[in-house]
Protein backbone atom coordinates (compact mmCIF):
# COMPACT_ATOMS: atom_id res chain seq x y z
CA MET A 1 -28.54 6.10 27.47
CA GLU A 2 -26.67 9.01 27.38
CA LYS A 3 -23.35 6.91 26.35
CA ILE A 4 -25.35 5.56 23.51
CA THR A 5 -26.55 9.00 22.16
CA VAL A 6 -22.79 10.52 22.56
CA ILE A 7 -21.53 7.47 20.38
CA SER A 8 -24.40 8.03 17.77
CA ILE A 9 -23.56 11.58 17.48
CA ILE A 10 -19.69 10.89 16.93
CA ILE A 11 -20.59 8.28 14.23
CA VAL A 12 -22.92 10.78 12.31
CA VAL A 13 -20.34 13.18 12.48
CA ILE A 14 -17.69 10.89 11.32
CA ALA A 15 -20.05 9.86 8.53
CA LEU A 16 -21.01 13.31 7.71
CA ILE A 17 -17.12 14.43 7.49
CA ALA A 18 -16.52 11.37 5.13
CA PHE A 19 -19.29 12.15 2.90
CA LEU A 20 -18.09 15.89 2.59
CA VAL A 21 -14.53 14.89 1.86
CA TYR A 22 -15.76 12.53 -0.93
CA PHE A 23 -18.39 14.87 -2.43
CA PHE A 24 -15.81 17.82 -2.61
CA SER A 25 -13.00 15.81 -3.92
CA ALA A 26 -11.49 16.53 -7.15
CA LYS A 27 -12.44 13.10 -8.69
CA THR A 28 -16.05 13.52 -7.59
CA ILE A 29 -16.59 16.99 -8.62
CA ILE A 30 -15.19 16.29 -12.32
CA LEU A 31 -17.08 13.08 -12.59
CA ARG A 32 -20.36 14.79 -11.59
CA ARG A 33 -19.88 17.83 -13.79
CA LEU A 34 -18.85 15.24 -16.89
CA LYS A 35 -22.01 13.03 -16.40
CA LYS A 36 -24.24 15.92 -17.03
CA LEU A 37 -22.50 16.10 -20.85
CA ARG A 38 -22.89 14.11 -23.90
CA PHE A 39 -19.77 12.99 -25.54
CA SER A 40 -19.15 15.00 -28.99
CA LYS A 41 -16.94 14.02 -32.10
CA ILE A 42 -14.41 16.77 -32.70
CA GLY A 43 -15.74 17.40 -36.21
CA SER A 44 -19.22 18.08 -34.96
CA LEU A 45 -18.21 20.44 -32.30
CA GLN A 46 -20.01 23.85 -32.43
CA ASN A 47 -18.51 27.16 -31.32
CA HIS A 48 -19.34 28.52 -27.78
CA HIS A 49 -20.83 25.11 -26.72
CA TYR A 50 -19.56 23.63 -23.57
CA SER A 51 -18.77 20.19 -24.81
CA LYS A 52 -17.13 16.84 -23.66
CA VAL A 53 -14.54 15.08 -25.63
CA GLU A 54 -12.87 11.75 -25.26
CA GLY A 55 -9.52 11.03 -27.26
CA ASN A 56 -5.80 10.17 -27.09
CA ALA A 57 -3.39 12.97 -25.51
CA LEU A 58 -0.77 13.99 -27.79
CA ASN A 59 1.89 16.55 -27.39
CA VAL A 60 2.01 19.88 -29.43
CA ASN A 61 5.74 20.59 -28.71
CA GLN A 62 8.58 18.49 -26.94
CA PRO A 63 6.61 16.57 -24.36
CA LEU A 64 7.24 16.75 -20.60
CA ILE A 65 9.17 14.12 -18.65
CA ALA A 66 7.73 12.43 -15.64
CA PRO A 67 10.46 13.05 -12.88
CA LEU A 68 10.53 9.58 -11.55
CA SER A 69 9.11 7.26 -14.12
CA LYS A 70 10.71 9.20 -16.89
CA ARG A 71 7.71 8.68 -19.20
CA GLU A 72 6.61 11.55 -21.84
CA CYS A 73 3.76 13.26 -20.89
CA VAL A 74 1.93 16.51 -21.51
CA PHE A 75 0.72 16.88 -17.68
CA TYR A 76 2.46 15.55 -14.34
CA GLN A 77 1.63 16.05 -10.54
CA ILE A 78 3.90 14.87 -8.15
CA LEU A 79 3.85 14.80 -4.27
CA ILE A 80 6.74 14.15 -1.99
CA GLU A 81 6.11 13.71 1.65
CA LYS A 82 8.10 13.09 4.87
CA LYS A 83 7.03 11.78 8.17
CA VAL A 84 7.49 13.95 11.23
CA GLY A 85 7.14 13.30 14.97
CA SER A 86 6.99 9.94 16.52
CA GLY A 87 4.28 7.64 17.94
CA LYS A 88 0.53 9.34 17.95
CA ASN A 89 2.13 12.50 17.10
CA SER A 90 3.39 11.66 13.96
CA ARG A 91 2.23 12.96 10.55
CA TRP A 92 3.13 13.18 7.08
CA LYS A 93 4.47 16.60 5.88
CA THR A 94 4.35 17.87 2.33
CA VAL A 95 8.09 18.72 0.82
CA VAL A 96 7.33 19.23 -2.63
CA ASP A 97 3.93 19.64 -4.47
CA GLU A 98 4.52 20.05 -8.03
CA GLU A 99 2.39 20.43 -11.22
CA LYS A 100 3.54 21.07 -14.69
CA ILE A 101 1.32 21.12 -17.93
CA GLN A 102 1.70 22.22 -21.44
CA ASP A 103 -0.54 22.77 -24.46
CA PHE A 104 -1.43 19.48 -25.89
CA PHE A 105 -3.87 17.69 -28.56
CA VAL A 106 -6.77 15.37 -27.87
CA GLU A 107 -6.90 12.99 -30.80
CA GLN A 108 -10.01 11.30 -32.11
CA THR A 109 -10.31 9.28 -35.25
CA GLY A 110 -7.74 11.49 -36.96
CA GLU A 111 -9.18 14.86 -35.80
CA ARG A 112 -7.54 17.08 -33.08
CA LEU A 113 -8.92 19.14 -30.37
CA LEU A 114 -6.18 21.78 -28.79
CA ILE A 115 -6.14 22.53 -25.30
CA PHE A 116 -4.35 25.63 -23.95
CA PRO A 117 -4.28 25.12 -19.97
CA LYS A 118 -3.05 28.03 -17.98
CA GLN A 119 -1.53 27.78 -14.44
CA ASN A 120 -1.44 31.25 -13.40
CA PRO A 121 -4.33 32.12 -13.12
CA GLU A 122 -5.48 28.56 -13.37
CA ASN A 123 -8.19 27.98 -16.26
CA TYR A 124 -8.72 24.32 -15.76
CA TYR A 125 -9.68 21.52 -13.30
CA ALA A 126 -7.97 18.26 -13.26
CA TYR A 127 -7.95 15.10 -11.67
CA LEU A 128 -5.10 12.46 -12.48
CA VAL A 129 -4.83 8.97 -11.18
CA SER A 130 -1.87 8.21 -9.21
CA ASP A 131 0.28 5.46 -11.01
CA LYS A 132 3.79 5.51 -9.88
CA LYS A 133 4.65 5.36 -6.14
CA ALA A 134 8.00 5.11 -4.16
CA ASN A 135 8.98 5.33 -0.47
CA SER A 136 11.76 4.83 1.99
CA GLY A 137 12.08 4.26 5.91
CA THR A 138 14.49 3.23 8.28
CA PHE A 139 14.88 -0.36 6.88
CA ASN A 140 13.77 0.32 3.43
CA ASP A 141 16.62 2.03 1.09
CA PRO A 142 15.18 4.27 -1.51
CA THR A 143 15.87 2.83 -5.11
CA PRO A 144 18.67 4.52 -6.93
CA GLU A 145 16.04 6.24 -9.22
CA PHE A 146 14.09 7.77 -5.92
CA LYS A 147 17.55 8.63 -4.53
CA SER A 148 18.42 10.49 -7.67
CA LEU A 149 15.08 12.31 -7.62
CA LEU A 150 15.57 13.53 -4.00
CA ASP A 151 18.85 14.81 -4.73
CA ASN A 152 17.61 16.88 -7.61
CA TYR A 153 15.00 18.36 -5.30
CA GLY A 154 17.68 18.87 -2.53
CA ILE A 155 15.94 16.54 -0.21
CA GLU A 156 18.27 14.42 2.23
CA SER A 157 17.21 10.70 2.32
CA THR A 158 19.16 9.93 5.53
CA GLY A 159 18.89 11.68 9.01
CA LEU A 160 20.76 11.02 12.58
CA PHE A 161 22.95 8.33 12.60
CA GLY A 162 22.66 7.72 8.92
CA PHE A 163 19.03 6.15 9.20
CA ASN A 164 16.88 6.36 6.21
CA LYS A 165 14.12 9.23 6.64
CA GLN A 166 10.36 7.98 5.99
CA LEU A 167 9.62 9.35 2.87
CA ARG A 168 6.88 8.72 0.19
CA TYR A 169 6.38 9.74 -3.68
CA ARG A 170 3.33 10.02 -5.73
CA GLU A 171 3.21 10.36 -9.36
CA SER A 172 0.33 11.36 -11.68
CA ILE A 173 0.55 11.88 -15.29
CA ILE A 174 -1.07 12.29 -18.64
CA GLU A 175 1.01 10.01 -20.76
CA VAL A 176 1.42 10.81 -24.57
CA GLY A 177 -1.17 8.65 -26.18
CA GLU A 178 -3.16 7.92 -23.14
CA ARG A 179 -6.71 8.05 -23.26
CA ILE A 180 -8.57 10.89 -21.50
CA THR A 181 -11.53 12.92 -21.11
CA VAL A 182 -11.74 16.90 -21.42
CA ALA A 183 -14.54 19.34 -21.42
CA GLY A 184 -14.76 23.09 -22.27
CA TYR A 185 -16.10 25.79 -24.19
CA VAL A 186 -15.25 25.18 -28.04
CA LYS A 187 -13.61 27.79 -29.97
CA TRP A 188 -12.61 27.21 -33.65
CA VAL A 189 -9.67 29.03 -34.77
CA GLU A 190 -7.49 29.33 -37.97
CA LEU A 191 -4.23 27.94 -37.87
CA GLU A 192 -1.52 30.56 -38.62
CA GLN A 193 1.05 27.75 -39.13
CA PRO A 194 0.71 24.32 -40.21
CA VAL A 195 0.80 21.55 -37.27
CA SER A 196 2.92 18.47 -38.44
CA ASP A 197 0.61 15.45 -39.16
CA TYR A 198 -2.55 17.57 -39.23
CA ASN A 199 -3.90 18.62 -42.64
CA TYR A 200 -6.57 21.00 -41.80
CA SER A 201 -6.37 24.76 -41.88
CA ARG A 202 -8.86 25.08 -38.75
CA VAL A 203 -8.73 23.36 -35.40
CA ALA A 204 -11.35 23.30 -32.53
CA THR A 205 -9.62 24.57 -28.99
CA LEU A 206 -11.22 24.21 -25.52
CA VAL A 207 -11.31 27.46 -23.36
CA ALA A 208 -12.74 28.38 -19.93
CA LYS A 209 -15.25 30.97 -19.78
CA ASP A 210 -16.41 32.70 -16.33
CA LYS A 211 -16.44 30.20 -13.76
CA ASN A 212 -16.63 27.05 -15.76
CA LYS A 213 -12.93 25.88 -16.26
CA ILE A 214 -11.63 23.18 -18.69
CA LEU A 215 -12.15 19.70 -17.16
CA ILE A 216 -9.29 17.17 -17.59
CA THR A 217 -8.93 13.67 -16.42
CA ASP A 218 -7.59 10.43 -17.12
CA THR A 219 -9.72 8.16 -14.75
CA THR A 220 -11.37 5.41 -16.76
CA GLU A 221 -14.64 6.23 -14.85
CA ALA A 222 -14.99 9.16 -17.10
CA LEU A 223 -14.64 7.34 -20.59
CA LYS A 224 -17.50 5.76 -22.61
CA PRO A 225 -18.57 2.63 -21.47
CA LYS A 226 -17.15 -0.17 -23.54
CA HIS A 227 -20.77 -0.99 -25.39
CA GLY A 228 -20.67 2.73 -26.45
CA ARG A 229 -17.43 2.57 -28.38
């Protein structure tokens, strides 16, 4: 009877931990916050209202280039990990955890919303879908592209006796032209200089206010249902 009780407690604790990890994950938090908001059209956005918009991401200046896939983007996150230890004591250790973002537009039926993300201090909260991965191991050579990337970050791909190290890479980006969802406080501003391919003198921007950060995600779960397009 006592054994059954202990096992039950362990199961409950594991289930609780799993739930908390899920509940407080970046994806769940963003989807939960976005669900409370209605989709807005850019032309109808009102000053100082916390609003949600769906549209295509466009670069304002020269776009970023994703480190491995070399795709043009306005936001990327990469993670490089190596396996350390052996057997039951092995674990994945973070070697590189890098995030870069730039000012970008969200375009919707010819109208544009301007996003001004800041990294220090961070004024946004984001969840990006990982869509590019790479790995290497003892009998798995890194691809030339992955090897070049590792070299750029000063990471040795081989260890003792020339065997490949166990390394893995994950890349998440908001590609130029990709459909995304954003939310934040609206602030209409006058343009001091004209913007290429944009014929208006004013533009709506999204800003953070107090503890409410700008939300940014490219998960399809945050987009409008197909029947609502």
